[in-house]
Amino acid sequence: MNDKFLNLLGMCRKAGKCATGFEASIAALHARKAAAVFWADDISPKTVKELRFHAGGQNILYPIAYTKAQIGASVGINAGIIAILDTGFAGKALSLKEELSI
């Protein structure tokens, strides 16, 4: 894997600064611990709709142009949604998303 964004997700996971999967991300949103939530482009529209509902006005949801398999390979868990809990990691992820146009 030679992608800066996916490498950052892997580092975030190793540091324990993210929640992976739908349920964990929803819990992070409800606890207002999520700094940014990213979802794969191959998750269902219904899941995205539920994610937006649970965000409840928090403007921290971002689609990314990666598949669940690519995200899963970077974090070590098959997940299409990842919530970053650390503001530093979230800021870097957002700048990489913009820089790489993903």
C-alpha atoms as a PDB file:
ATOM      1  CA  MET A   1       0.000   0.000   0.000  1.00  0.00           C
ATOM      2  CA  ASN A   2       1.574   3.237  -1.135  1.00  0.00           C
ATOM      3  CA  ASP A   3      -1.240   5.700  -0.528  1.00  0.00           C
ATOM      4  CA  LYS A   4      -0.772   8.526   1.981  1.00  0.00           C
ATOM      5  CA  PHE A   5      -4.440   8.635   3.003  1.00  0.00           C
ATOM      6  CA  LEU A   6      -4.739   4.906   3.587  1.00  0.00           C
ATOM      7  CA  ASN A   7      -1.403   4.889   5.428  1.00  0.00           C
ATOM      8  CA  LEU A   8      -2.745   7.635   7.695  1.00  0.00           C
ATOM      9  CA  LEU A   9      -5.844   5.552   8.440  1.00  0.00           C
ATOM     10  CA  GLY A  10      -3.578   2.644   9.372  1.00  0.00           C
ATOM     11  CA  MET A  11      -1.520   4.835  11.705  1.00  0.00           C
ATOM     12  CA  CYS A  12      -4.702   6.187  13.252  1.00  0.00           C
ATOM     13  CA  ARG A  13      -5.925   2.643  13.905  1.00  0.00           C
ATOM     14  CA  LYS A  14      -2.605   1.592  15.441  1.00  0.00           C
ATOM     15  CA  ALA A  15      -2.673   4.666  17.699  1.00  0.00           C
ATOM     16  CA  GLY A  16      -6.183   3.764  18.867  1.00  0.00           C
ATOM     17  CA  LYS A  17      -7.590   7.051  17.614  1.00  0.00           C
ATOM     18  CA  CYS A  18     -10.394   5.740  15.416  1.00  0.00           C
ATOM     19  CA  ALA A  19     -13.621   3.764  15.507  1.00  0.00           C
ATOM     20  CA  THR A  20     -14.155   1.345  12.622  1.00  0.00           C
ATOM     21  CA  GLY A  21     -17.444   0.069  11.302  1.00  0.00           C
ATOM     22  CA  PHE A  22     -20.988   1.367  11.392  1.00  0.00           C
ATOM     23  CA  GLU A  23     -21.872   0.677  15.035  1.00  0.00           C
ATOM     24  CA  ALA A  24     -18.605   2.018  16.459  1.00  0.00           C
ATOM     25  CA  SER A  25     -18.802   5.135  14.293  1.00  0.00           C
ATOM     26  CA  ILE A  26     -22.408   5.763  15.344  1.00  0.00           C
ATOM     27  CA  ALA A  27     -21.387   5.427  18.997  1.00  0.00           C
ATOM     28  CA  ALA A  28     -18.568   7.937  18.435  1.00  0.00           C
ATOM     29  CA  LEU A  29     -21.006  10.350  16.759  1.00  0.00           C
ATOM     30  CA  HIS A  30     -23.510  10.096  19.609  1.00  0.00           C
ATOM     31  CA  ALA A  31     -20.775  10.626  22.196  1.00  0.00           C
ATOM     32  CA  ARG A  32     -19.513  13.585  20.114  1.00  0.00           C
ATOM     33  CA  LYS A  33     -16.039  12.053  20.103  1.00  0.00           C
ATOM     34  CA  ALA A  34     -15.696  11.835  16.316  1.00  0.00           C
ATOM     35  CA  ALA A  35     -13.646  14.569  14.682  1.00  0.00           C
ATOM     36  CA  ALA A  36     -14.278  13.256  11.141  1.00  0.00           C
ATOM     37  CA  VAL A  37     -16.150  10.281   9.695  1.00  0.00           C
ATOM     38  CA  PHE A  38     -15.219   8.839   6.297  1.00  0.00           C
ATOM     39  CA  TRP A  39     -17.150   6.273   4.291  1.00  0.00           C
ATOM     40  CA  ALA A  40     -16.237   4.086   1.330  1.00  0.00           C
ATOM     41  CA  ASP A  41     -17.823   4.712  -2.040  1.00  0.00           C
ATOM     42  CA  ASP A  42     -19.255   1.187  -2.165  1.00  0.00           C
ATOM     43  CA  ILE A  43     -21.413   1.247   0.976  1.00  0.00           C
ATOM     44  CA  SER A  44     -25.151   1.316   0.463  1.00  0.00           C
ATOM     45  CA  PRO A  45     -27.091   4.578   0.131  1.00  0.00           C
ATOM     46  CA  LYS A  46     -29.281   3.416   3.035  1.00  0.00           C
ATOM     47  CA  THR A  47     -26.222   3.168   5.282  1.00  0.00           C
ATOM     48  CA  VAL A  48     -25.111   6.664   4.249  1.00  0.00           C
ATOM     49  CA  LYS A  49     -28.618   7.972   5.007  1.00  0.00           C
ATOM     50  CA  GLU A  50     -28.537   6.376   8.474  1.00  0.00           C
ATOM     51  CA  LEU A  51     -25.055   7.762   9.081  1.00  0.00           C
ATOM     52  CA  ARG A  52     -26.255  11.270   8.217  1.00  0.00           C
ATOM     53  CA  PHE A  53     -29.267  10.841  10.498  1.00  0.00           C
ATOM     54  CA  HIS A  54     -27.082   9.822  13.444  1.00  0.00           C
ATOM     55  CA  ALA A  55     -24.672  12.696  12.792  1.00  0.00           C
ATOM     56  CA  GLY A  56     -27.510  15.008  13.785  1.00  0.00           C
ATOM     57  CA  GLY A  57     -26.200  18.203  12.275  1.00  0.00           C
ATOM     58  CA  GLN A  58     -22.518  17.528  12.934  1.00  0.00           C
ATOM     59  CA  ASN A  59     -20.809  18.563   9.710  1.00  0.00           C
ATOM     60  CA  ILE A  60     -18.029  15.966   9.892  1.00  0.00           C
ATOM     61  CA  LEU A  61     -19.103  13.324   7.324  1.00  0.00           C
ATOM     62  CA  TYR A  62     -16.986  12.798   4.213  1.00  0.00           C
ATOM     63  CA  PRO A  63     -17.198  10.309   1.339  1.00  0.00           C
ATOM     64  CA  ILE A  64     -13.901   8.964   0.051  1.00  0.00           C
ATOM     65  CA  ALA A  65     -13.073   7.283  -3.248  1.00  0.00           C
ATOM     66  CA  TYR A  66     -11.931   3.992  -1.747  1.00  0.00           C
ATOM     67  CA  THR A  67     -13.677   0.647  -1.428  1.00  0.00           C
ATOM     68  CA  LYS A  68     -14.431  -1.205   1.793  1.00  0.00           C
ATOM     69  CA  ALA A  69     -11.678  -3.659   0.880  1.00  0.00           C
ATOM     70  CA  GLN A  70      -9.095  -0.884   0.499  1.00  0.00           C
ATOM     71  CA  ILE A  71     -10.057   0.705   3.809  1.00  0.00           C
ATOM     72  CA  GLY A  72     -10.131  -2.691   5.467  1.00  0.00           C
ATOM     73  CA  ALA A  73      -6.655  -3.506   4.205  1.00  0.00           C
ATOM     74  CA  SER A  74      -5.310  -0.254   5.644  1.00  0.00           C
ATOM     75  CA  VAL A  75      -6.865  -0.601   9.112  1.00  0.00           C
ATOM     76  CA  GLY A  76      -6.855  -4.381   9.443  1.00  0.00           C
ATOM     77  CA  ILE A  77     -10.643  -4.706   9.770  1.00  0.00           C
ATOM     78  CA  ASN A  78     -13.222  -5.094   7.009  1.00  0.00           C
ATOM     79  CA  ALA A  79     -15.042  -1.772   7.413  1.00  0.00           C
ATOM     80  CA  GLY A  80     -16.554   0.779   5.078  1.00  0.00           C
ATOM     81  CA  ILE A  81     -16.890   3.509   7.691  1.00  0.00           C
ATOM     82  CA  ILE A  82     -14.153   4.927   9.884  1.00  0.00           C
ATOM     83  CA  ALA A  83     -14.529   7.655  12.502  1.00  0.00           C
ATOM     84  CA  ILE A  84     -11.346   9.487  13.438  1.00  0.00           C
ATOM     85  CA  LEU A  85     -11.413  10.522  17.087  1.00  0.00           C
ATOM     86  CA  ASP A  86      -8.317  12.727  17.177  1.00  0.00           C
ATOM     87  CA  THR A  87      -8.458  16.271  15.784  1.00  0.00           C
ATOM     88  CA  GLY A  88      -4.838  16.131  14.595  1.00  0.00           C
ATOM     89  CA  PHE A  89      -5.380  12.938  12.609  1.00  0.00           C
ATOM     90  CA  ALA A  90      -8.702  14.284  11.312  1.00  0.00           C
ATOM     91  CA  GLY A  91      -7.121  17.527  10.120  1.00  0.00           C
ATOM     92  CA  LYS A  92      -4.338  15.672   8.330  1.00  0.00           C
ATOM     93  CA  ALA A  93      -6.852  13.264   6.758  1.00  0.00           C
ATOM     94  CA  LEU A  94      -8.957  16.158   5.476  1.00  0.00           C
ATOM     95  CA  SER A  95      -5.927  17.937   4.015  1.00  0.00           C
ATOM     96  CA  LEU A  96      -4.823  14.698   2.301  1.00  0.00           C
ATOM     97  CA  LYS A  97      -8.371  14.152   0.997  1.00  0.00           C
ATOM     98  CA  GLU A  98      -8.249  17.587  -0.589  1.00  0.00           C
ATOM     99  CA  GLU A  99      -4.658  17.226  -1.809  1.00  0.00           C
ATOM    100  CA  LEU A 100      -5.278  13.812  -3.404  1.00  0.00           C
ATOM    101  CA  SER A 101      -8.799  14.716  -4.612  1.00  0.00           C
ATOM    102  CA  ILE A 102     -10.375  11.640  -3.098  1.00  0.00           C
END
